[in-house]
Amino acid sequence: MRLFSRVRSARGPARASWIALTAIIGGSSIWTTHFVAMMGYEADALAGYEPTATLLSLVLAIMITGVGLFIAAVTARSFLIEAGGALVGAGIASMHYVGMSGYQVQADLHWNMNYVWASLVAAGLFGALATNRVARPVTRFCRYGGGAALSSKSAVERYRQLSLHDALTGLPNRMAFLERLGDLMDRPA
């Protein structure tokens, strides 16, 4: 999204270069994240990858990211910002399904189309939200989201403190000792 902010601030031929660069970097990063995760997955059956669909998913990720970011960067103040982001998000989900079509496994794969459509819609909504936050960073909702995140972080830290220390004395308890011992055991000698 930092590259997208560069796209929005560039003008003329520089903008086209930033869009191309962002499409290549963003699309290939999205694809690589998906493909590395798939490579790490160990199925109980023999599995492999069909090269055409796998490479098509890479090209799709790059192209849809580029088109979506171009649409989002065309104007400073219209719904096209969110529409472009929605296209990028839906493109990410589409890349996933094209990549999964190239996943060859000796088993039957069944897709629940309700979940497929829900994932496409959710990805589009998150994509629209991401480009909205880059293009329109200062709204009243940003303030509330930041406050909620800070409150959540504080609560997690407080619960961690309570779980690792005696309530009466505040001294580390057995759980804190075991955690610290585990950390020390994991360190190289």
C-alpha atoms as a PDB file:
ATOM      1  CA  MET A   1       0.000   0.000   0.000  1.00  0.00           C
ATOM      2  CA  ARG A   2       3.003   2.285   0.390  1.00  0.00           C
ATOM      3  CA  LEU A   3       3.698   1.879  -3.305  1.00  0.00           C
ATOM      4  CA  PHE A   4       0.067   2.775  -4.006  1.00  0.00           C
ATOM      5  CA  SER A   5       0.548   6.018  -2.077  1.00  0.00           C
ATOM      6  CA  ARG A   6       3.501   6.724  -4.414  1.00  0.00           C
ATOM      7  CA  VAL A   7       1.233   6.064  -7.388  1.00  0.00           C
ATOM      8  CA  ARG A   8      -1.273   8.586  -6.056  1.00  0.00           C
ATOM      9  CA  SER A   9       1.355  11.288  -5.539  1.00  0.00           C
ATOM     10  CA  ALA A  10       3.105  10.827  -8.928  1.00  0.00           C
ATOM     11  CA  ARG A  11       2.062  12.703 -12.084  1.00  0.00           C
ATOM     12  CA  GLY A  12       2.429  12.074 -15.810  1.00  0.00           C
ATOM     13  CA  PRO A  13       4.719   9.318 -17.086  1.00  0.00           C
ATOM     14  CA  ALA A  14       6.053   8.744 -13.574  1.00  0.00           C
ATOM     15  CA  ARG A  15       2.575   7.639 -12.487  1.00  0.00           C
ATOM     16  CA  ALA A  16       2.451   5.006 -15.243  1.00  0.00           C
ATOM     17  CA  SER A  17       5.859   3.723 -14.158  1.00  0.00           C
ATOM     18  CA  TRP A  18       4.759   3.547 -10.516  1.00  0.00           C
ATOM     19  CA  ILE A  19       1.575   1.693 -11.500  1.00  0.00           C
ATOM     20  CA  ALA A  20       3.582  -0.860 -13.497  1.00  0.00           C
ATOM     21  CA  LEU A  21       6.103  -1.281 -10.694  1.00  0.00           C
ATOM     22  CA  THR A  22       3.374  -1.579  -8.066  1.00  0.00           C
ATOM     23  CA  ALA A  23       1.480  -4.109 -10.188  1.00  0.00           C
ATOM     24  CA  ILE A  24       4.565  -6.285 -10.654  1.00  0.00           C
ATOM     25  CA  ILE A  25       5.715  -6.075  -7.037  1.00  0.00           C
ATOM     26  CA  GLY A  26       2.236  -6.298  -5.509  1.00  0.00           C
ATOM     27  CA  GLY A  27       0.953  -9.037  -7.799  1.00  0.00           C
ATOM     28  CA  SER A  28       4.059 -11.178  -7.526  1.00  0.00           C
ATOM     29  CA  SER A  29       4.172 -10.720  -3.735  1.00  0.00           C
ATOM     30  CA  ILE A  30       0.536 -11.776  -3.439  1.00  0.00           C
ATOM     31  CA  TRP A  31       1.154 -14.785  -5.686  1.00  0.00           C
ATOM     32  CA  THR A  32       4.378 -15.767  -3.907  1.00  0.00           C
ATOM     33  CA  THR A  33       2.669 -15.670  -0.517  1.00  0.00           C
ATOM     34  CA  HIS A  34      -0.021 -17.994  -1.844  1.00  0.00           C
ATOM     35  CA  PHE A  35       2.357 -20.324  -3.686  1.00  0.00           C
ATOM     36  CA  VAL A  36       4.855 -20.683  -0.821  1.00  0.00           C
ATOM     37  CA  ALA A  37       1.968 -21.506   1.522  1.00  0.00           C
ATOM     38  CA  MET A  38       0.759 -24.127  -0.947  1.00  0.00           C
ATOM     39  CA  MET A  39       4.257 -25.599  -1.230  1.00  0.00           C
ATOM     40  CA  GLY A  40       4.382 -25.891   2.554  1.00  0.00           C
ATOM     41  CA  TYR A  41       1.054 -27.727   2.718  1.00  0.00           C
ATOM     42  CA  GLU A  42       1.470 -31.472   3.095  1.00  0.00           C
ATOM     43  CA  ALA A  43      -1.467 -33.426   1.744  1.00  0.00           C
ATOM     44  CA  ASP A  44      -2.061 -37.037   2.724  1.00  0.00           C
ATOM     45  CA  ALA A  45      -2.275 -37.901  -0.978  1.00  0.00           C
ATOM     46  CA  LEU A  46       0.182 -37.446  -3.832  1.00  0.00           C
ATOM     47  CA  ALA A  47      -0.030 -33.824  -5.044  1.00  0.00           C
ATOM     48  CA  GLY A  48       1.529 -31.598  -7.691  1.00  0.00           C
ATOM     49  CA  TYR A  49       1.023 -28.377  -9.648  1.00  0.00           C
ATOM     50  CA  GLU A  50      -0.140 -27.923 -13.214  1.00  0.00           C
ATOM     51  CA  PRO A  51       2.277 -25.313 -14.666  1.00  0.00           C
ATOM     52  CA  THR A  52      -0.149 -23.477 -16.973  1.00  0.00           C
ATOM     53  CA  ALA A  53      -2.735 -22.704 -14.285  1.00  0.00           C
ATOM     54  CA  THR A  54       0.014 -21.885 -11.785  1.00  0.00           C
ATOM     55  CA  LEU A  55       1.659 -19.359 -14.118  1.00  0.00           C
ATOM     56  CA  LEU A  56      -1.742 -18.016 -15.179  1.00  0.00           C
ATOM     57  CA  SER A  57      -2.474 -17.257 -11.523  1.00  0.00           C
ATOM     58  CA  LEU A  58       0.767 -15.216 -11.359  1.00  0.00           C
ATOM     59  CA  VAL A  59      -0.097 -13.236 -14.495  1.00  0.00           C
ATOM     60  CA  LEU A  60      -3.645 -12.734 -13.205  1.00  0.00           C
ATOM     61  CA  ALA A  61      -2.374 -11.376  -9.876  1.00  0.00           C
ATOM     62  CA  ILE A  62      -0.079  -8.881 -11.611  1.00  0.00           C
ATOM     63  CA  MET A  63      -2.634  -7.760 -14.218  1.00  0.00           C
ATOM     64  CA  ILE A  64      -5.599  -7.347 -11.873  1.00  0.00           C
ATOM     65  CA  THR A  65      -3.448  -5.542  -9.307  1.00  0.00           C
ATOM     66  CA  GLY A  66      -2.282  -3.145 -12.025  1.00  0.00           C
ATOM     67  CA  VAL A  67      -5.761  -2.489 -13.408  1.00  0.00           C
ATOM     68  CA  GLY A  68      -7.269  -2.071  -9.944  1.00  0.00           C
ATOM     69  CA  LEU A  69      -4.586   0.344  -8.788  1.00  0.00           C
ATOM     70  CA  PHE A  70      -4.865   2.282 -12.061  1.00  0.00           C
ATOM     71  CA  ILE A  71      -8.611   2.690 -11.503  1.00  0.00           C
ATOM     72  CA  ALA A  72      -8.033   3.699  -7.878  1.00  0.00           C
ATOM     73  CA  ALA A  73      -5.373   6.249  -8.856  1.00  0.00           C
ATOM     74  CA  VAL A  74      -7.338   7.946 -11.662  1.00  0.00           C
ATOM     75  CA  THR A  75      -9.077  10.419  -9.379  1.00  0.00           C
ATOM     76  CA  ALA A  76      -8.550  11.921  -5.981  1.00  0.00           C
ATOM     77  CA  ARG A  77     -12.165  12.158  -4.867  1.00  0.00           C
ATOM     78  CA  SER A  78     -14.557   9.562  -6.200  1.00  0.00           C
ATOM     79  CA  PHE A  79     -15.836   6.071  -5.598  1.00  0.00           C
ATOM     80  CA  LEU A  80     -13.280   4.826  -8.148  1.00  0.00           C
ATOM     81  CA  ILE A  81     -10.714   4.657  -5.328  1.00  0.00           C
ATOM     82  CA  GLU A  82     -12.775   2.023  -3.550  1.00  0.00           C
ATOM     83  CA  ALA A  83     -13.827   0.343  -6.820  1.00  0.00           C
ATOM     84  CA  GLY A  84     -10.178  -0.123  -7.788  1.00  0.00           C
ATOM     85  CA  GLY A  85      -9.392  -1.523  -4.352  1.00  0.00           C
ATOM     86  CA  ALA A  86     -12.358  -3.881  -4.588  1.00  0.00           C
ATOM     87  CA  LEU A  87     -11.031  -5.088  -7.933  1.00  0.00           C
ATOM     88  CA  VAL A  88      -7.597  -5.730  -6.403  1.00  0.00           C
ATOM     89  CA  GLY A  89      -9.159  -7.645  -3.505  1.00  0.00           C
ATOM     90  CA  ALA A  90     -11.404  -9.722  -5.762  1.00  0.00           C
ATOM     91  CA  GLY A  91      -8.384 -10.279  -8.017  1.00  0.00           C
ATOM     92  CA  ILE A  92      -6.436 -11.710  -5.101  1.00  0.00           C
ATOM     93  CA  ALA A  93      -9.243 -14.165  -4.397  1.00  0.00           C
ATOM     94  CA  SER A  94      -9.528 -14.982  -8.119  1.00  0.00           C
ATOM     95  CA  MET A  95      -5.779 -15.628  -8.293  1.00  0.00           C
ATOM     96  CA  HIS A  96      -6.200 -18.033  -5.385  1.00  0.00           C
ATOM     97  CA  TYR A  97      -8.907 -20.026  -7.147  1.00  0.00           C
ATOM     98  CA  VAL A  98      -7.043 -20.128 -10.470  1.00  0.00           C
ATOM     99  CA  GLY A  99      -3.951 -21.302  -8.576  1.00  0.00           C
ATOM    100  CA  MET A 100      -6.012 -23.917  -6.772  1.00  0.00           C
ATOM    101  CA  SER A 101      -7.327 -25.175 -10.123  1.00  0.00           C
ATOM    102  CA  GLY A 102      -3.702 -26.010 -10.928  1.00  0.00           C
ATOM    103  CA  TYR A 103      -3.295 -27.965  -7.690  1.00  0.00           C
ATOM    104  CA  GLN A 104      -3.392 -31.600  -8.729  1.00  0.00           C
ATOM    105  CA  VAL A 105      -4.075 -34.098  -5.958  1.00  0.00           C
ATOM    106  CA  GLN A 106      -5.159 -37.734  -6.004  1.00  0.00           C
ATOM    107  CA  ALA A 107      -8.401 -36.960  -4.251  1.00  0.00           C
ATOM    108  CA  ASP A 108     -11.748 -35.381  -4.994  1.00  0.00           C
ATOM    109  CA  LEU A 109     -11.927 -31.636  -4.427  1.00  0.00           C
ATOM    110  CA  HIS A 110     -15.349 -30.203  -3.693  1.00  0.00           C
ATOM    111  CA  TRP A 111     -16.057 -26.472  -3.589  1.00  0.00           C
ATOM    112  CA  ASN A 112     -18.952 -24.943  -1.708  1.00  0.00           C
ATOM    113  CA  MET A 113     -19.884 -22.119  -4.073  1.00  0.00           C
ATOM    114  CA  ASN A 114     -21.474 -20.113  -1.257  1.00  0.00           C
ATOM    115  CA  TYR A 115     -18.061 -19.914   0.418  1.00  0.00           C
ATOM    116  CA  VAL A 116     -16.344 -19.102  -2.864  1.00  0.00           C
ATOM    117  CA  TRP A 117     -18.688 -16.168  -3.536  1.00  0.00           C
ATOM    118  CA  ALA A 118     -18.456 -15.017   0.078  1.00  0.00           C
ATOM    119  CA  SER A 119     -14.651 -15.023  -0.145  1.00  0.00           C
ATOM    120  CA  LEU A 120     -14.749 -12.966  -3.348  1.00  0.00           C
ATOM    121  CA  VAL A 121     -17.075 -10.409  -1.763  1.00  0.00           C
ATOM    122  CA  ALA A 122     -15.042 -10.245   1.468  1.00  0.00           C
ATOM    123  CA  ALA A 123     -11.791  -9.835  -0.480  1.00  0.00           C
ATOM    124  CA  GLY A 124     -13.365  -7.028  -2.503  1.00  0.00           C
ATOM    125  CA  LEU A 125     -14.558  -5.277   0.648  1.00  0.00           C
ATOM    126  CA  PHE A 126     -11.142  -5.523   2.305  1.00  0.00           C
ATOM    127  CA  GLY A 127      -9.464  -4.282  -0.878  1.00  0.00           C
ATOM    128  CA  ALA A 128     -11.819  -1.293  -1.014  1.00  0.00           C
ATOM    129  CA  LEU A 129     -11.134  -0.579   2.642  1.00  0.00           C
ATOM    130  CA  ALA A 130      -7.362  -0.721   2.110  1.00  0.00           C
ATOM    131  CA  THR A 131      -7.363   1.746  -0.783  1.00  0.00           C
ATOM    132  CA  ASN A 132      -9.817   3.949   1.090  1.00  0.00           C
ATOM    133  CA  ARG A 133      -7.458   4.169   4.059  1.00  0.00           C
ATOM    134  CA  VAL A 134      -4.521   5.112   1.815  1.00  0.00           C
ATOM    135  CA  ALA A 135      -6.489   7.683  -0.186  1.00  0.00           C
ATOM    136  CA  ARG A 136      -8.535   9.108   2.704  1.00  0.00           C
ATOM    137  CA  PRO A 137      -6.419   8.624   5.819  1.00  0.00           C
ATOM    138  CA  VAL A 138      -8.079  11.175   8.081  1.00  0.00           C
ATOM    139  CA  THR A 139     -11.666  10.432   8.998  1.00  0.00           C
ATOM    140  CA  ARG A 140     -13.462  10.123  12.272  1.00  0.00           C
ATOM    141  CA  PHE A 141     -13.415   6.328  11.925  1.00  0.00           C
ATOM    142  CA  CYS A 142      -9.591   6.205  11.847  1.00  0.00           C
ATOM    143  CA  ARG A 143      -9.526   7.705  15.319  1.00  0.00           C
ATOM    144  CA  TYR A 144     -11.911   5.070  16.687  1.00  0.00           C
ATOM    145  CA  GLY A 145     -10.089   2.185  15.000  1.00  0.00           C
ATOM    146  CA  GLY A 146      -6.745   3.324  16.412  1.00  0.00           C
ATOM    147  CA  GLY A 147      -8.228   3.705  19.879  1.00  0.00           C
ATOM    148  CA  ALA A 148      -9.785   0.245  19.715  1.00  0.00           C
ATOM    149  CA  ALA A 149      -6.475  -1.288  18.623  1.00  0.00           C
ATOM    150  CA  LEU A 150      -4.626   0.462  21.451  1.00  0.00           C
ATOM    151  CA  SER A 151      -7.221  -0.673  24.009  1.00  0.00           C
ATOM    152  CA  SER A 152      -7.000  -4.230  22.738  1.00  0.00           C
ATOM    153  CA  LYS A 153      -3.202  -4.205  22.942  1.00  0.00           C
ATOM    154  CA  SER A 154      -3.316  -2.847  26.495  1.00  0.00           C
ATOM    155  CA  ALA A 155      -5.822  -5.518  27.525  1.00  0.00           C
ATOM    156  CA  VAL A 156      -3.674  -8.308  26.066  1.00  0.00           C
ATOM    157  CA  GLU A 157      -0.591  -6.994  27.880  1.00  0.00           C
ATOM    158  CA  ARG A 158      -2.539  -6.751  31.152  1.00  0.00           C
ATOM    159  CA  TYR A 159      -3.892 -10.307  30.869  1.00  0.00           C
ATOM    160  CA  ARG A 160      -0.402 -11.571  30.100  1.00  0.00           C
ATOM    161  CA  GLN A 161       0.933  -9.775  33.194  1.00  0.00           C
ATOM    162  CA  LEU A 162      -1.844 -11.293  35.317  1.00  0.00           C
ATOM    163  CA  SER A 163      -1.221 -14.807  34.007  1.00  0.00           C
ATOM    164  CA  LEU A 164       2.531 -14.718  34.655  1.00  0.00           C
ATOM    165  CA  HIS A 165       2.630 -12.971  38.061  1.00  0.00           C
ATOM    166  CA  ASP A 166       1.222 -13.573  41.516  1.00  0.00           C
ATOM    167  CA  ALA A 167      -1.839 -11.401  42.137  1.00  0.00           C
ATOM    168  CA  LEU A 168      -0.864 -10.583  45.739  1.00  0.00           C
ATOM    169  CA  THR A 169       2.875  -9.948  45.472  1.00  0.00           C
ATOM    170  CA  GLY A 170       3.313  -9.190  41.769  1.00  0.00           C
ATOM    171  CA  LEU A 171       6.252 -11.627  41.663  1.00  0.00           C
ATOM    172  CA  PRO A 172       6.702 -14.006  38.713  1.00  0.00           C
ATOM    173  CA  ASN A 173       4.806 -17.286  39.157  1.00  0.00           C
ATOM    174  CA  ARG A 174       5.480 -20.835  37.950  1.00  0.00           C
ATOM    175  CA  MET A 175       4.147 -20.074  34.436  1.00  0.00           C
ATOM    176  CA  ALA A 176       6.576 -17.148  34.119  1.00  0.00           C
ATOM    177  CA  PHE A 177       9.390 -19.396  35.329  1.00  0.00           C
ATOM    178  CA  LEU A 178       8.533 -22.128  32.818  1.00  0.00           C
ATOM    179  CA  GLU A 179       8.252 -19.617  29.977  1.00  0.00           C
ATOM    180  CA  ARG A 180      11.606 -18.054  30.847  1.00  0.00           C
ATOM    181  CA  LEU A 181      13.190 -21.500  31.201  1.00  0.00           C
ATOM    182  CA  GLY A 182      11.857 -22.475  27.776  1.00  0.00           C
ATOM    183  CA  ASP A 183      13.300 -19.279  26.262  1.00  0.00           C
ATOM    184  CA  LEU A 184      16.691 -20.011  27.802  1.00  0.00           C
ATOM    185  CA  MET A 185      16.620 -23.622  26.599  1.00  0.00           C
ATOM    186  CA  ASP A 186      15.830 -22.517  23.031  1.00  0.00           C
ATOM    187  CA  ARG A 187      18.823 -20.175  22.835  1.00  0.00           C
ATOM    188  CA  PRO A 188      21.979 -21.559  21.235  1.00  0.00           C
ATOM    189  CA  ALA A 189      24.798 -22.359  23.640  1.00  0.00           C
END
